Amino acid sequence: MSQVVSIPNMRNQNRRQAMPFFCAYHMGIKAGRRLSERRISEKGKPEYVDHYAGHLMLCAVAILLLGALDAFFTLNILARGGEELNWVMAQLIEDSAQKFVSFKLALTSMALILLIIHHNVRLTEKIRVWHIKYLILSGYTVLIGYELYLLNLAGFY
């Protein structure tokens, strides 16, 4: 007599768990193994990785360095008679240059951390967060060029 044993089909079950907004893997506290997004992504769900590509880190460091350069050039332009148009930054500069630089770099750093963690999230069908990061890098590059132009007009060189 043969006995029939039924084995449940587990292929259709989704065993993945939702990732929290701040995860130990994303923050670099735990080392994970995921280097790229999953093969089949669920439409509209964020896609996260545990290791980040070198070009994304290079972009983030470049943005941070350009932010520091922007603060330096801004202070030099103001010393030569320029005017800060951003009301919040103008208040910080009026209080102290150190507060202005600290706030600017802290704000840029926090924004970069969030952009790095969520770099694979799709904003539209073709645009991901990492595209926005490269757009910010381009914008900072143009801004630094403009500030160099202003400093040249003011006789900085």
Protein backbone atom coordinates (compact mmCIF):
# COMPACT_ATOMS: atom_id res chain seq x y z
CA MET A 1 0.00 0.00 0.00
CA SER A 2 1.39 3.36 -0.95
CA GLN A 3 0.66 6.47 0.99
CA VAL A 4 0.29 9.79 -0.80
CA VAL A 5 2.18 12.64 0.79
CA SER A 6 1.28 16.13 -0.30
CA ILE A 7 4.01 18.72 -0.39
CA PRO A 8 2.80 22.31 -0.36
CA ASN A 9 3.90 24.48 -3.28
CA MET A 10 5.80 27.43 -1.76
CA ARG A 11 6.67 29.10 -5.07
CA ASN A 12 3.74 31.46 -5.06
CA GLN A 13 4.34 32.72 -1.56
CA ASN A 14 6.08 36.04 -1.13
CA ARG A 15 8.32 35.60 1.92
CA ARG A 16 9.94 39.02 1.68
CA GLN A 17 9.36 41.44 4.51
CA ALA A 18 8.88 45.16 4.16
CA MET A 19 12.06 47.12 4.86
CA PRO A 20 11.87 49.83 7.49
CA PHE A 21 12.64 53.42 6.50
CA PHE A 22 15.91 53.40 8.49
CA CYS A 23 17.46 49.95 8.34
CA ALA A 24 20.76 48.80 9.90
CA TYR A 25 21.87 47.53 6.47
CA HIS A 26 21.17 50.85 4.75
CA MET A 27 22.94 52.85 7.44
CA GLY A 28 26.09 50.70 7.15
CA ILE A 29 25.76 49.30 10.68
CA LYS A 30 25.32 45.73 9.39
CA ALA A 31 27.04 44.38 6.30
CA GLY A 32 24.59 42.94 3.81
CA ARG A 33 24.99 40.98 0.61
CA ARG A 34 22.61 42.64 -1.83
CA LEU A 35 24.57 44.56 -4.47
CA SER A 36 21.75 45.31 -6.88
CA GLU A 37 17.99 45.39 -6.92
CA ARG A 38 15.93 42.21 -7.00
CA ARG A 39 15.18 40.55 -10.32
CA ILE A 40 11.45 41.10 -10.19
CA SER A 41 10.48 44.34 -8.54
CA GLU A 42 7.02 45.00 -7.30
CA LYS A 43 5.52 47.95 -9.13
CA GLY A 44 5.74 51.13 -7.07
CA LYS A 45 7.71 49.63 -4.17
CA PRO A 46 11.11 51.11 -3.20
CA GLU A 47 14.12 48.97 -4.07
CA TYR A 48 17.06 48.97 -1.68
CA VAL A 49 20.57 47.51 -1.71
CA ASP A 50 23.07 46.78 1.04
CA HIS A 51 26.21 47.94 -0.79
CA TYR A 52 26.43 51.09 -2.85
CA ALA A 53 28.25 51.61 -6.11
CA GLY A 54 31.46 53.62 -6.04
CA HIS A 55 30.18 56.18 -8.55
CA LEU A 56 27.27 57.04 -6.23
CA MET A 57 29.64 57.59 -3.32
CA LEU A 58 31.95 59.66 -5.52
CA CYS A 59 28.97 61.79 -6.58
CA ALA A 60 27.97 62.31 -2.93
CA VAL A 61 31.49 63.32 -1.90
CA ALA A 62 31.70 65.70 -4.87
CA ILE A 63 28.38 67.31 -3.87
CA LEU A 64 29.60 67.74 -0.30
CA LEU A 65 32.90 69.29 -1.44
CA LEU A 66 31.10 71.62 -3.85
CA GLY A 67 28.77 72.59 -0.99
CA ALA A 68 31.78 73.55 1.13
CA LEU A 69 33.27 75.46 -1.80
CA ASP A 70 29.92 77.22 -2.28
CA ALA A 71 29.94 78.33 1.37
CA PHE A 72 33.52 79.64 1.00
CA PHE A 73 32.74 81.53 -2.20
CA THR A 74 29.49 82.90 -0.74
CA LEU A 75 31.36 84.36 2.22
CA ASN A 76 33.95 85.89 -0.14
CA ILE A 77 31.26 87.40 -2.36
CA LEU A 78 29.52 88.88 0.69
CA ALA A 79 32.82 90.35 1.89
CA ARG A 80 33.10 92.15 -1.45
CA GLY A 81 29.66 93.73 -1.26
CA GLY A 82 27.44 90.90 -2.46
CA GLU A 83 24.05 90.10 -0.99
CA GLU A 84 22.65 86.75 0.21
CA LEU A 85 19.20 86.23 -1.32
CA ASN A 86 18.23 83.20 0.80
CA TRP A 87 16.59 84.65 3.91
CA VAL A 88 17.47 81.70 6.20
CA MET A 89 21.11 81.71 5.15
CA ALA A 90 21.25 85.51 5.45
CA GLN A 91 20.07 85.23 9.06
CA LEU A 92 22.71 82.58 9.81
CA ILE A 93 25.47 84.64 8.18
CA GLU A 94 24.36 87.70 10.12
CA ASP A 95 24.62 85.69 13.34
CA SER A 96 27.99 84.08 12.51
CA ALA A 97 29.84 82.68 9.52
CA GLN A 98 30.60 79.49 11.45
CA LYS A 99 26.87 78.82 12.02
CA PHE A 100 26.22 79.43 8.32
CA VAL A 101 28.88 76.95 7.18
CA SER A 102 27.92 74.35 9.81
CA PHE A 103 24.21 74.55 8.96
CA LYS A 104 24.84 74.43 5.22
CA LEU A 105 27.12 71.39 5.41
CA ALA A 106 24.87 69.59 7.93
CA LEU A 107 21.80 70.14 5.76
CA THR A 108 23.63 68.98 2.64
CA SER A 109 24.99 65.91 4.44
CA MET A 110 21.59 64.85 5.79
CA ALA A 111 19.99 65.26 2.38
CA LEU A 112 22.78 63.19 0.79
CA ILE A 113 22.34 60.39 3.33
CA LEU A 114 18.64 60.14 2.47
CA LEU A 115 19.38 60.29 -1.27
CA ILE A 116 22.00 57.55 -0.97
CA ILE A 117 19.73 55.23 1.03
CA HIS A 118 16.88 55.67 -1.43
CA HIS A 119 18.97 55.92 -4.61
CA ASN A 120 17.11 53.09 -6.40
CA VAL A 121 13.61 54.38 -5.66
CA ARG A 122 11.70 55.13 -8.85
CA LEU A 123 10.11 58.57 -8.99
CA THR A 124 8.60 57.88 -12.41
CA GLU A 125 8.94 55.04 -14.89
CA LYS A 126 12.38 56.24 -16.04
CA ILE A 127 13.60 58.55 -13.26
CA ARG A 128 15.19 57.24 -10.08
CA VAL A 129 16.51 59.14 -7.07
CA TRP A 130 20.11 58.71 -8.24
CA HIS A 131 19.24 60.79 -11.32
CA ILE A 132 18.27 63.61 -8.95
CA LYS A 133 21.65 63.27 -7.22
CA TYR A 134 23.48 63.76 -10.52
CA LEU A 135 21.20 66.70 -11.29
CA ILE A 136 22.19 68.27 -7.94
CA LEU A 137 25.87 67.70 -8.80
CA SER A 138 25.36 69.46 -12.14
CA GLY A 139 23.54 72.33 -10.45
CA TYR A 140 26.31 72.79 -7.90
CA THR A 141 28.89 72.78 -10.68
CA VAL A 142 27.00 75.54 -12.52
CA LEU A 143 26.61 77.48 -9.25
CA ILE A 144 30.36 77.30 -8.53
CA GLY A 145 31.05 78.53 -12.07
CA TYR A 146 28.67 81.46 -11.53
CA GLU A 147 30.27 82.31 -8.18
CA LEU A 148 33.72 82.25 -9.80
CA TYR A 149 32.37 84.63 -12.44
CA LEU A 150 31.04 86.98 -9.71
CA LEU A 151 34.34 86.84 -7.84
CA ASN A 152 36.17 87.62 -11.08
CA LEU A 153 33.92 90.68 -11.58
CA ALA A 154 34.64 91.78 -8.02
CA GLY A 155 38.38 91.54 -8.61
CA PHE A 156 39.09 88.49 -6.44
CA TYR A 157 41.77 87.17 -8.83
